[in-house]
Amino acid sequence: MLKGLAITPPVAGRITIGRVVEKNGKRLPEKDDQFTITTQIQHRLEWLLHPLNLTLRGSNQEEKLRRIPIRLMFNDPSLNFRADYSLFDRSSGRPMCVGDGDTCRRRTNEGLQTLPCPGADICPLGQHGGCKPYGRLTVQIDDGENTDSFIFRTTGFNSTRTLFARLHYFSALSNNKLACLPLELRLRGKSSRMCHG
């Protein structure tokens, strides 16, 4: 097997909680209060909607999608949800530094180097706000006829912490049988002092 190659299951699409909008000639991400299920195909700078996006909304297509029935692919929580600190180059979109809080692999002028990783808050390279947790949850959605895999990506500390804790909690409750449990990805509101309530 190739060293350093991340093994990822094939996915049919993405689960997002936002969209890209154009403001002052720039394409910027904007948060949303519902899930959107898209394919892996982009058309005219927009991701095409997956048929499951309409199926899960039911008869009322205007209803917001805030719950998605899912199943996990593996019993091991770390195979279903991968997270690390990542710093991306804003011009190319490629990762410049990826770490786990202990060590990191950083692209430098001398090539790829393994260096200590103190975390996003302390690292001098990541202190300007570019280094964030980058989590990827791979789930399966069954529409009754087909079962497809989708990926949910997050760069939030709260969602990363919550998903990681819940997966380990359900793994312990089910005696390490996560792949057998019918679960639900649920979006819920949360107020904090940072968002002024």
N, C-alpha and C. Protein backbone atom coordinates (compact mmCIF):
# COMPACT_ATOMS: atom_id res chain seq x y z
N MET A 1 0.83 -1.19 0.00
CA MET A 1 0.00 0.00 0.00
C MET A 1 0.88 1.25 0.00
N LEU A 2 0.43 2.30 -0.61
CA LEU A 2 1.19 3.54 -0.68
C LEU A 2 1.17 4.25 0.66
N LYS A 3 2.32 4.68 1.13
CA LYS A 3 2.40 5.39 2.40
C LYS A 3 1.91 6.82 2.23
N GLY A 4 1.18 7.31 3.23
CA GLY A 4 0.69 8.68 3.20
C GLY A 4 -0.55 8.88 2.35
N LEU A 5 -1.09 7.81 1.75
CA LEU A 5 -2.29 7.92 0.92
C LEU A 5 -3.51 7.73 1.80
N ALA A 6 -4.40 8.71 1.81
CA ALA A 6 -5.62 8.61 2.61
C ALA A 6 -6.64 7.79 1.85
N ILE A 7 -7.10 6.71 2.46
CA ILE A 7 -8.09 5.86 1.84
C ILE A 7 -9.47 6.44 2.15
N THR A 8 -10.20 6.79 1.12
CA THR A 8 -11.54 7.37 1.30
C THR A 8 -12.53 6.58 0.46
N PRO A 9 -13.72 6.32 1.00
CA PRO A 9 -14.73 5.61 0.21
C PRO A 9 -15.26 6.52 -0.90
N PRO A 10 -15.71 5.95 -2.01
CA PRO A 10 -16.27 6.78 -3.08
C PRO A 10 -17.58 7.42 -2.61
N VAL A 11 -17.76 8.67 -2.95
CA VAL A 11 -18.98 9.38 -2.52
C VAL A 11 -19.74 9.86 -3.75
N ALA A 12 -21.08 9.86 -3.63
CA ALA A 12 -21.95 10.30 -4.72
C ALA A 12 -22.23 11.79 -4.63
N GLY A 13 -21.99 12.38 -3.47
CA GLY A 13 -22.29 13.80 -3.34
C GLY A 13 -21.85 14.37 -2.01
N ARG A 14 -22.37 15.57 -1.73
CA ARG A 14 -21.98 16.32 -0.55
C ARG A 14 -23.22 16.73 0.23
N ILE A 15 -23.06 16.86 1.54
CA ILE A 15 -24.10 17.41 2.40
C ILE A 15 -23.55 18.74 2.90
N THR A 16 -24.26 19.84 2.63
CA THR A 16 -23.76 21.15 3.00
C THR A 16 -24.77 21.89 3.88
N ILE A 17 -24.27 22.87 4.61
CA ILE A 17 -25.13 23.77 5.41
C ILE A 17 -24.81 25.20 4.98
N GLY A 18 -24.77 25.43 3.73
CA GLY A 18 -24.46 26.77 3.24
C GLY A 18 -24.37 26.77 1.74
N ARG A 19 -24.05 27.92 1.23
CA ARG A 19 -23.92 28.07 -0.21
C ARG A 19 -22.92 29.19 -0.48
N VAL A 20 -22.52 29.32 -1.73
CA VAL A 20 -21.60 30.37 -2.13
C VAL A 20 -22.42 31.47 -2.79
N VAL A 21 -22.23 32.71 -2.33
CA VAL A 21 -22.93 33.86 -2.90
C VAL A 21 -21.90 34.85 -3.43
N GLU A 22 -22.34 35.69 -4.35
CA GLU A 22 -21.45 36.70 -4.91
C GLU A 22 -21.75 38.04 -4.27
N LYS A 23 -20.73 38.64 -3.67
CA LYS A 23 -20.84 39.96 -3.04
C LYS A 23 -19.67 40.81 -3.49
N ASN A 24 -19.95 41.95 -4.06
CA ASN A 24 -18.92 42.89 -4.53
C ASN A 24 -17.92 42.22 -5.47
N GLY A 25 -18.41 41.35 -6.33
CA GLY A 25 -17.55 40.68 -7.30
C GLY A 25 -16.76 39.51 -6.75
N LYS A 26 -16.95 39.16 -5.47
CA LYS A 26 -16.25 38.02 -4.87
C LYS A 26 -17.24 36.93 -4.54
N ARG A 27 -16.81 35.69 -4.70
CA ARG A 27 -17.64 34.54 -4.31
C ARG A 27 -17.28 34.17 -2.88
N LEU A 28 -18.25 34.34 -1.97
CA LEU A 28 -18.01 34.11 -0.54
C LEU A 28 -18.98 33.06 0.00
N PRO A 29 -18.52 32.26 0.99
CA PRO A 29 -19.45 31.30 1.60
C PRO A 29 -20.45 32.00 2.50
N GLU A 30 -21.67 31.48 2.51
CA GLU A 30 -22.72 32.03 3.37
C GLU A 30 -23.39 30.88 4.10
N LYS A 31 -23.58 31.03 5.42
CA LYS A 31 -24.20 29.99 6.20
C LYS A 31 -25.69 29.91 5.89
N ASP A 32 -26.26 28.73 6.12
CA ASP A 32 -27.68 28.50 5.87
C ASP A 32 -28.26 27.81 7.10
N ASP A 33 -29.57 27.73 7.20
CA ASP A 33 -30.21 27.06 8.33
C ASP A 33 -30.87 25.75 7.91
N GLN A 34 -30.35 25.14 6.84
CA GLN A 34 -30.87 23.86 6.37
C GLN A 34 -29.78 23.09 5.65
N PHE A 35 -29.99 21.78 5.52
CA PHE A 35 -29.08 20.94 4.75
C PHE A 35 -29.41 21.06 3.27
N THR A 36 -28.41 20.88 2.44
CA THR A 36 -28.59 20.75 1.00
C THR A 36 -27.73 19.57 0.56
N ILE A 37 -28.32 18.68 -0.22
CA ILE A 37 -27.59 17.50 -0.71
C ILE A 37 -27.31 17.72 -2.18
N THR A 38 -26.02 17.74 -2.53
CA THR A 38 -25.62 18.00 -3.91
C THR A 38 -24.85 16.82 -4.47
N THR A 39 -24.68 16.84 -5.77
CA THR A 39 -23.84 15.84 -6.43
C THR A 39 -22.39 16.32 -6.39
N GLN A 40 -21.51 15.58 -7.03
CA GLN A 40 -20.10 15.97 -7.12
C GLN A 40 -19.84 16.77 -8.39
N ILE A 41 -20.91 17.18 -9.08
CA ILE A 41 -20.77 17.88 -10.35
C ILE A 41 -21.13 19.34 -10.18
N GLN A 42 -20.26 20.20 -10.70
CA GLN A 42 -20.48 21.63 -10.62
C GLN A 42 -20.84 22.14 -12.02
N HIS A 43 -21.90 22.96 -12.08
CA HIS A 43 -22.36 23.50 -13.35
C HIS A 43 -22.59 24.99 -13.18
N ARG A 44 -21.90 25.80 -13.97
CA ARG A 44 -22.00 27.26 -13.90
C ARG A 44 -21.75 27.77 -12.48
N LEU A 45 -20.68 27.27 -11.88
CA LEU A 45 -20.22 27.66 -10.55
C LEU A 45 -21.18 27.28 -9.43
N GLU A 46 -22.16 26.42 -9.69
CA GLU A 46 -23.07 25.91 -8.66
C GLU A 46 -23.04 24.40 -8.68
N TRP A 47 -23.18 23.81 -7.50
CA TRP A 47 -23.24 22.36 -7.42
C TRP A 47 -24.65 21.91 -7.80
N LEU A 48 -24.74 20.87 -8.62
CA LEU A 48 -26.05 20.35 -9.01
C LEU A 48 -26.68 19.62 -7.83
N LEU A 49 -27.98 19.81 -7.64
CA LEU A 49 -28.69 19.14 -6.55
C LEU A 49 -28.82 17.66 -6.83
N HIS A 50 -28.66 16.85 -5.79
CA HIS A 50 -28.85 15.40 -5.89
C HIS A 50 -30.35 15.12 -5.81
N PRO A 51 -30.85 14.09 -6.50
CA PRO A 51 -32.28 13.76 -6.41
C PRO A 51 -32.77 13.52 -4.97
N LEU A 52 -31.87 13.05 -4.08
CA LEU A 52 -32.26 12.84 -2.68
C LEU A 52 -32.63 14.14 -1.98
N ASN A 53 -32.10 15.25 -2.45
CA ASN A 53 -32.44 16.55 -1.86
C ASN A 53 -33.94 16.81 -1.97
N LEU A 54 -34.54 16.44 -3.10
CA LEU A 54 -35.98 16.61 -3.29
C LEU A 54 -36.76 15.50 -2.60
N THR A 55 -36.25 14.28 -2.65
CA THR A 55 -36.93 13.13 -2.04
C THR A 55 -37.10 13.31 -0.54
N LEU A 56 -36.05 13.76 0.15
CA LEU A 56 -36.11 13.90 1.60
C LEU A 56 -36.98 15.07 2.05
N ARG A 57 -37.21 16.03 1.20
CA ARG A 57 -38.09 17.14 1.54
C ARG A 57 -39.55 16.75 1.48
N GLY A 58 -39.86 15.68 0.76
CA GLY A 58 -41.24 15.20 0.70
C GLY A 58 -42.10 16.03 -0.24
N SER A 59 -43.38 16.07 0.06
CA SER A 59 -44.33 16.76 -0.82
C SER A 59 -44.17 18.27 -0.79
N ASN A 60 -43.77 18.82 0.34
CA ASN A 60 -43.60 20.26 0.47
C ASN A 60 -42.14 20.62 0.18
N GLN A 61 -41.86 21.02 -1.06
CA GLN A 61 -40.49 21.31 -1.47
C GLN A 61 -39.94 22.59 -0.83
N GLU A 62 -40.81 23.43 -0.29
CA GLU A 62 -40.37 24.66 0.37
C GLU A 62 -39.91 24.40 1.80
N GLU A 63 -40.23 23.22 2.34
CA GLU A 63 -39.86 22.89 3.71
C GLU A 63 -38.35 22.77 3.83
N LYS A 64 -37.81 23.26 4.94
CA LYS A 64 -36.37 23.22 5.15
C LYS A 64 -35.94 21.83 5.59
N LEU A 65 -34.85 21.36 5.03
CA LEU A 65 -34.32 20.03 5.33
C LEU A 65 -33.38 20.15 6.52
N ARG A 66 -33.87 19.72 7.70
CA ARG A 66 -33.07 19.84 8.92
C ARG A 66 -32.76 18.48 9.55
N ARG A 67 -33.26 17.40 8.95
CA ARG A 67 -32.99 16.04 9.43
C ARG A 67 -32.74 15.13 8.24
N ILE A 68 -31.69 14.34 8.32
CA ILE A 68 -31.36 13.39 7.26
C ILE A 68 -31.13 12.03 7.90
N PRO A 69 -31.92 11.01 7.53
CA PRO A 69 -31.67 9.66 8.06
C PRO A 69 -30.40 9.09 7.41
N ILE A 70 -29.48 8.62 8.25
CA ILE A 70 -28.19 8.13 7.75
C ILE A 70 -27.83 6.79 8.37
N ARG A 71 -26.87 6.15 7.77
CA ARG A 71 -26.19 4.99 8.35
C ARG A 71 -24.70 5.23 8.18
N LEU A 72 -23.93 4.71 9.10
CA LEU A 72 -22.48 4.82 9.01
C LEU A 72 -21.92 3.59 8.31
N MET A 73 -20.77 3.74 7.71
CA MET A 73 -20.20 2.65 6.92
C MET A 73 -19.34 1.70 7.76
N PHE A 74 -18.75 2.22 8.84
CA PHE A 74 -17.81 1.43 9.62
C PHE A 74 -18.19 1.46 11.09
N ASN A 75 -17.75 0.47 11.85
CA ASN A 75 -17.98 0.44 13.29
C ASN A 75 -17.01 1.34 14.04
N ASP A 76 -15.85 1.58 13.48
CA ASP A 76 -14.83 2.42 14.12
C ASP A 76 -15.15 3.90 13.86
N PRO A 77 -15.36 4.72 14.91
CA PRO A 77 -15.68 6.14 14.71
C PRO A 77 -14.63 6.89 13.90
N SER A 78 -13.34 6.54 14.05
CA SER A 78 -12.29 7.27 13.34
C SER A 78 -12.28 6.98 11.84
N LEU A 79 -12.90 5.89 11.41
CA LEU A 79 -13.01 5.62 9.97
C LEU A 79 -14.18 6.39 9.36
N ASN A 80 -15.21 6.66 10.15
CA ASN A 80 -16.36 7.42 9.66
C ASN A 80 -16.11 8.92 9.69
N PHE A 81 -15.38 9.39 10.69
CA PHE A 81 -15.14 10.82 10.85
C PHE A 81 -13.65 11.08 11.00
N ARG A 82 -13.07 11.76 10.01
CA ARG A 82 -11.65 12.11 10.05
C ARG A 82 -11.54 13.61 10.27
N ALA A 83 -10.66 14.00 11.17
CA ALA A 83 -10.48 15.43 11.46
C ALA A 83 -9.01 15.73 11.70
N ASP A 84 -8.59 16.90 11.25
CA ASP A 84 -7.24 17.37 11.49
C ASP A 84 -7.24 18.89 11.37
N TYR A 85 -6.12 19.50 11.76
CA TYR A 85 -5.93 20.93 11.53
C TYR A 85 -5.42 21.10 10.11
N SER A 86 -6.01 22.03 9.37
CA SER A 86 -5.59 22.25 7.99
C SER A 86 -5.46 23.73 7.70
N LEU A 87 -4.40 24.07 6.98
CA LEU A 87 -4.18 25.43 6.49
C LEU A 87 -4.10 25.34 4.98
N PHE A 88 -5.03 25.99 4.29
CA PHE A 88 -5.10 25.92 2.84
C PHE A 88 -4.53 27.19 2.21
N ASP A 89 -3.91 27.03 1.06
CA ASP A 89 -3.46 28.16 0.26
C ASP A 89 -4.70 28.74 -0.41
N ARG A 90 -4.99 30.01 -0.15
CA ARG A 90 -6.23 30.63 -0.65
C ARG A 90 -6.25 30.78 -2.16
N SER A 91 -5.10 30.87 -2.79
CA SER A 91 -5.09 31.05 -4.25
C SER A 91 -5.28 29.73 -4.99
N SER A 92 -4.65 28.66 -4.53
CA SER A 92 -4.74 27.38 -5.25
C SER A 92 -5.73 26.41 -4.63
N GLY A 93 -6.09 26.60 -3.35
CA GLY A 93 -6.99 25.67 -2.68
C GLY A 93 -6.31 24.40 -2.19
N ARG A 94 -5.01 24.33 -2.32
CA ARG A 94 -4.26 23.14 -1.88
C ARG A 94 -3.83 23.29 -0.42
N PRO A 95 -3.76 22.18 0.32
CA PRO A 95 -3.31 22.27 1.72
C PRO A 95 -1.84 22.62 1.82
N MET A 96 -1.53 23.58 2.69
CA MET A 96 -0.14 23.97 2.94
C MET A 96 0.41 23.27 4.17
N CYS A 97 -0.48 23.01 5.16
CA CYS A 97 -0.06 22.38 6.40
C CYS A 97 -1.23 21.57 6.95
N VAL A 98 -0.96 20.32 7.31
CA VAL A 98 -1.99 19.44 7.88
C VAL A 98 -1.39 18.79 9.12
N GLY A 99 -2.06 18.96 10.27
CA GLY A 99 -1.54 18.42 11.52
C GLY A 99 -2.63 17.86 12.41
N ASP A 100 -2.19 17.18 13.47
CA ASP A 100 -3.14 16.56 14.40
C ASP A 100 -3.02 17.14 15.81
N GLY A 101 -2.30 18.24 15.98
CA GLY A 101 -2.09 18.81 17.31
C GLY A 101 -0.81 18.32 17.95
N ASP A 102 -0.17 17.34 17.35
CA ASP A 102 1.11 16.79 17.83
C ASP A 102 2.20 17.02 16.78
N THR A 103 1.98 16.51 15.57
CA THR A 103 2.90 16.74 14.47
C THR A 103 2.11 17.20 13.25
N CYS A 104 2.81 17.85 12.32
CA CYS A 104 2.15 18.28 11.10
C CYS A 104 3.07 18.03 9.92
N ARG A 105 2.48 17.97 8.74
CA ARG A 105 3.23 17.88 7.49
C ARG A 105 3.01 19.20 6.77
N ARG A 106 4.10 19.95 6.60
CA ARG A 106 4.01 21.31 6.06
C ARG A 106 4.81 21.42 4.77
N ARG A 107 4.21 22.10 3.79
CA ARG A 107 4.89 22.37 2.53
C ARG A 107 5.75 23.63 2.71
N THR A 108 7.06 23.48 2.55
CA THR A 108 7.99 24.60 2.70
C THR A 108 8.81 24.73 1.41
N ASN A 109 9.72 25.72 1.38
CA ASN A 109 10.60 25.90 0.22
C ASN A 109 11.53 24.71 0.04
N GLU A 110 11.82 23.99 1.13
CA GLU A 110 12.70 22.82 1.07
C GLU A 110 11.93 21.55 0.74
N GLY A 111 10.62 21.63 0.57
CA GLY A 111 9.80 20.47 0.28
C GLY A 111 8.85 20.18 1.43
N LEU A 112 8.33 18.96 1.49
CA LEU A 112 7.39 18.55 2.53
C LEU A 112 8.17 18.16 3.79
N GLN A 113 7.84 18.80 4.92
CA GLN A 113 8.56 18.52 6.17
C GLN A 113 7.58 18.13 7.26
N THR A 114 8.06 17.28 8.18
CA THR A 114 7.31 16.92 9.37
C THR A 114 7.81 17.79 10.52
N LEU A 115 6.89 18.57 11.10
CA LEU A 115 7.24 19.53 12.14
C LEU A 115 6.29 19.36 13.33
N PRO A 116 6.63 19.96 14.50
CA PRO A 116 5.68 19.92 15.62
C PRO A 116 4.43 20.75 15.30
N CYS A 117 3.28 20.31 15.79
CA CYS A 117 2.01 21.00 15.56
C CYS A 117 1.42 21.39 16.91
N PRO A 118 1.55 22.66 17.31
CA PRO A 118 1.01 23.07 18.60
C PRO A 118 -0.49 23.32 18.59
N GLY A 119 -1.11 23.33 17.42
CA GLY A 119 -2.54 23.62 17.32
C GLY A 119 -2.78 24.95 16.63
N ALA A 120 -4.02 25.20 16.24
CA ALA A 120 -4.36 26.38 15.44
C ALA A 120 -4.15 27.69 16.19
N ASP A 121 -4.34 27.70 17.51
CA ASP A 121 -4.25 28.95 18.27
C ASP A 121 -2.82 29.39 18.54
N ILE A 122 -1.89 28.45 18.65
CA ILE A 122 -0.53 28.75 19.07
C ILE A 122 0.44 28.79 17.89
N CYS A 123 0.18 28.07 16.85
CA CYS A 123 1.09 27.97 15.71
C CYS A 123 1.30 29.34 15.06
N PRO A 124 2.56 29.77 14.86
CA PRO A 124 2.79 31.09 14.25
C PRO A 124 2.29 31.18 12.81
N LEU A 125 2.31 30.07 12.08
CA LEU A 125 1.82 30.08 10.71
C LEU A 125 0.29 30.17 10.66
N GLY A 126 -0.38 29.53 11.62
CA GLY A 126 -1.84 29.48 11.60
C GLY A 126 -2.54 30.53 12.44
N GLN A 127 -1.79 31.38 13.13
CA GLN A 127 -2.40 32.36 14.03
C GLN A 127 -3.23 33.42 13.31
N HIS A 128 -2.97 33.65 12.04
CA HIS A 128 -3.73 34.67 11.32
C HIS A 128 -5.14 34.19 10.96
N GLY A 129 -5.53 33.01 11.39
CA GLY A 129 -6.90 32.54 11.21
C GLY A 129 -7.09 31.57 10.06
N GLY A 130 -6.04 31.23 9.35
CA GLY A 130 -6.20 30.32 8.22
C GLY A 130 -6.22 28.86 8.61
N CYS A 131 -5.63 28.53 9.77
CA CYS A 131 -5.59 27.14 10.23
C CYS A 131 -6.86 26.84 11.03
N LYS A 132 -7.60 25.83 10.59
CA LYS A 132 -8.87 25.48 11.24
C LYS A 132 -8.98 23.96 11.34
N PRO A 133 -9.84 23.49 12.24
CA PRO A 133 -10.13 22.06 12.20
C PRO A 133 -10.89 21.75 10.92
N TYR A 134 -10.56 20.65 10.29
CA TYR A 134 -11.21 20.27 9.04
C TYR A 134 -11.70 18.84 9.21
N GLY A 135 -13.01 18.69 9.42
CA GLY A 135 -13.58 17.37 9.65
C GLY A 135 -14.38 16.89 8.46
N ARG A 136 -14.34 15.57 8.23
CA ARG A 136 -15.07 14.96 7.13
C ARG A 136 -15.80 13.73 7.64
N LEU A 137 -17.12 13.79 7.61
CA LEU A 137 -17.98 12.67 8.03
C LEU A 137 -18.55 12.02 6.78
N THR A 138 -18.29 10.71 6.62
CA THR A 138 -18.83 9.97 5.48
C THR A 138 -20.01 9.14 5.95
N VAL A 139 -21.17 9.33 5.30
CA VAL A 139 -22.39 8.65 5.69
C VAL A 139 -23.05 8.03 4.47
N GLN A 140 -23.99 7.12 4.72
CA GLN A 140 -24.80 6.55 3.66
C GLN A 140 -26.25 6.99 3.85
N ILE A 141 -26.90 7.34 2.75
CA ILE A 141 -28.31 7.71 2.76
C ILE A 141 -29.03 6.72 1.87
N ASP A 142 -30.09 6.11 2.41
CA ASP A 142 -30.87 5.11 1.68
C ASP A 142 -32.22 5.72 1.33
N ASP A 143 -32.55 5.73 0.05
CA ASP A 143 -33.85 6.28 -0.38
C ASP A 143 -34.88 5.19 -0.64
N GLY A 144 -34.58 3.96 -0.26
CA GLY A 144 -35.50 2.86 -0.47
C GLY A 144 -35.12 2.02 -1.68
N GLU A 145 -34.51 2.63 -2.68
CA GLU A 145 -34.07 1.92 -3.87
C GLU A 145 -32.56 1.82 -3.94
N ASN A 146 -31.87 2.93 -3.65
CA ASN A 146 -30.42 2.97 -3.74
C ASN A 146 -29.83 3.46 -2.43
N THR A 147 -28.61 3.05 -2.17
CA THR A 147 -27.86 3.55 -1.02
C THR A 147 -26.59 4.20 -1.56
N ASP A 148 -26.49 5.50 -1.34
CA ASP A 148 -25.32 6.24 -1.81
C ASP A 148 -24.56 6.81 -0.62
N SER A 149 -23.26 7.05 -0.82
CA SER A 149 -22.42 7.64 0.21
C SER A 149 -22.26 9.13 -0.05
N PHE A 150 -22.28 9.89 1.03
CA PHE A 150 -22.14 11.34 0.95
C PHE A 150 -21.13 11.79 1.99
N ILE A 151 -20.53 12.96 1.75
CA ILE A 151 -19.56 13.50 2.69
C ILE A 151 -20.06 14.83 3.22
N PHE A 152 -19.94 14.98 4.54
CA PHE A 152 -20.28 16.23 5.21
C PHE A 152 -18.99 16.80 5.74
N ARG A 153 -18.62 18.01 5.28
CA ARG A 153 -17.38 18.66 5.70
C ARG A 153 -17.71 19.80 6.66
N THR A 154 -16.85 19.99 7.65
CA THR A 154 -17.03 21.07 8.60
C THR A 154 -15.68 21.65 9.01
N THR A 155 -15.67 22.96 9.26
CA THR A 155 -14.46 23.60 9.77
C THR A 155 -14.74 24.27 11.11
N GLY A 156 -15.82 23.88 11.76
CA GLY A 156 -16.17 24.47 13.04
C GLY A 156 -15.71 23.61 14.21
N PHE A 157 -15.22 24.27 15.27
CA PHE A 157 -14.80 23.54 16.46
C PHE A 157 -15.98 22.83 17.11
N ASN A 158 -17.13 23.53 17.21
CA ASN A 158 -18.28 22.94 17.89
C ASN A 158 -18.82 21.72 17.15
N SER A 159 -18.97 21.81 15.83
CA SER A 159 -19.50 20.66 15.09
C SER A 159 -18.50 19.50 15.09
N THR A 160 -17.21 19.80 15.01
CA THR A 160 -16.20 18.74 15.06
C THR A 160 -16.24 18.03 16.41
N ARG A 161 -16.28 18.81 17.48
CA ARG A 161 -16.32 18.25 18.83
C ARG A 161 -17.60 17.43 19.04
N THR A 162 -18.74 17.96 18.59
CA THR A 162 -20.02 17.28 18.79
C THR A 162 -20.08 15.97 18.01
N LEU A 163 -19.68 16.00 16.74
CA LEU A 163 -19.72 14.77 15.93
C LEU A 163 -18.78 13.72 16.50
N PHE A 164 -17.58 14.12 16.88
CA PHE A 164 -16.60 13.18 17.43
C PHE A 164 -17.14 12.54 18.72
N ALA A 165 -17.69 13.38 19.61
CA ALA A 165 -18.22 12.87 20.88
C ALA A 165 -19.41 11.95 20.67
N ARG A 166 -20.33 12.33 19.79
CA ARG A 166 -21.52 11.50 19.55
C ARG A 166 -21.17 10.16 18.94
N LEU A 167 -20.23 10.13 18.01
CA LEU A 167 -19.84 8.86 17.41
C LEU A 167 -19.24 7.91 18.44
N HIS A 168 -18.40 8.43 19.32
CA HIS A 168 -17.82 7.58 20.37
C HIS A 168 -18.88 7.17 21.39
N TYR A 169 -19.81 8.04 21.66
CA TYR A 169 -20.91 7.73 22.59
C TYR A 169 -21.78 6.60 22.03
N PHE A 170 -22.19 6.72 20.76
CA PHE A 170 -23.02 5.68 20.14
C PHE A 170 -22.26 4.38 19.96
N SER A 171 -20.94 4.48 19.73
CA SER A 171 -20.13 3.28 19.61
C SER A 171 -20.10 2.52 20.93
N ALA A 172 -19.96 3.25 22.04
CA ALA A 172 -19.94 2.60 23.35
C ALA A 172 -21.30 2.00 23.70
N LEU A 173 -22.38 2.74 23.38
CA LEU A 173 -23.73 2.24 23.68
C LEU A 173 -24.09 1.00 22.89
N SER A 174 -23.61 0.91 21.65
CA SER A 174 -23.98 -0.20 20.77
C SER A 174 -22.98 -1.35 20.81
N ASN A 175 -22.02 -1.29 21.74
CA ASN A 175 -20.98 -2.31 21.84
C ASN A 175 -20.19 -2.40 20.53
N ASN A 176 -19.78 -1.22 20.02
CA ASN A 176 -18.99 -1.08 18.80
C ASN A 176 -19.71 -1.65 17.57
N LYS A 177 -21.01 -1.32 17.42
CA LYS A 177 -21.78 -1.74 16.25
C LYS A 177 -22.39 -0.52 15.56
N LEU A 178 -21.57 0.49 15.31
CA LEU A 178 -22.06 1.73 14.71
C LEU A 178 -22.70 1.52 13.34
N ALA A 179 -22.15 0.62 12.54
CA ALA A 179 -22.66 0.41 11.19
C ALA A 179 -24.06 -0.19 11.18
N CYS A 180 -24.51 -0.72 12.30
CA CYS A 180 -25.83 -1.36 12.38
C CYS A 180 -26.92 -0.39 12.84
N LEU A 181 -26.54 0.78 13.33
CA LEU A 181 -27.52 1.70 13.90
C LEU A 181 -28.15 2.61 12.86
N PRO A 182 -29.47 2.74 12.86
CA PRO A 182 -30.10 3.79 12.04
C PRO A 182 -29.97 5.12 12.78
N LEU A 183 -29.26 6.07 12.21
CA LEU A 183 -29.01 7.34 12.86
C LEU A 183 -29.63 8.48 12.06
N GLU A 184 -29.48 9.68 12.59
CA GLU A 184 -30.03 10.85 11.93
C GLU A 184 -29.05 12.01 12.08
N LEU A 185 -28.77 12.68 10.97
CA LEU A 185 -27.98 13.89 11.00
C LEU A 185 -28.98 15.03 11.18
N ARG A 186 -28.84 15.74 12.29
CA ARG A 186 -29.85 16.74 12.66
C ARG A 186 -29.21 18.11 12.83
N LEU A 187 -29.84 19.11 12.27
CA LEU A 187 -29.36 20.48 12.39
C LEU A 187 -30.19 21.19 13.43
N ARG A 188 -29.53 21.76 14.42
CA ARG A 188 -30.25 22.48 15.46
C ARG A 188 -29.57 23.81 15.72
N GLY A 189 -30.36 24.78 16.12
CA GLY A 189 -29.84 26.11 16.35
C GLY A 189 -29.12 26.21 17.68
N LYS A 190 -28.18 27.13 17.75
CA LYS A 190 -27.45 27.35 18.99
C LYS A 190 -27.04 28.81 19.04
N SER A 191 -27.31 29.44 20.16
CA SER A 191 -26.88 30.84 20.33
C SER A 191 -25.63 30.87 21.19
N SER A 192 -24.81 31.87 20.96
CA SER A 192 -23.61 32.05 21.76
C SER A 192 -23.33 33.54 21.91
N ARG A 193 -22.41 33.88 22.78
CA ARG A 193 -22.04 35.28 22.96
C ARG A 193 -21.34 35.83 21.72
N MET A 194 -20.65 34.95 21.00
CA MET A 194 -19.92 35.40 19.80
C MET A 194 -20.90 35.91 18.74
N CYS A 195 -22.08 35.30 18.62
CA CYS A 195 -23.04 35.73 17.60
C CYS A 195 -24.06 36.70 18.18
N HIS A 196 -23.81 37.17 19.41
CA HIS A 196 -24.70 38.14 20.09
C HIS A 196 -26.11 37.60 20.24
N GLY A 197 -26.21 36.31 20.55
CA GLY A 197 -27.51 35.70 20.82
C GLY A 197 -28.25 35.34 19.57
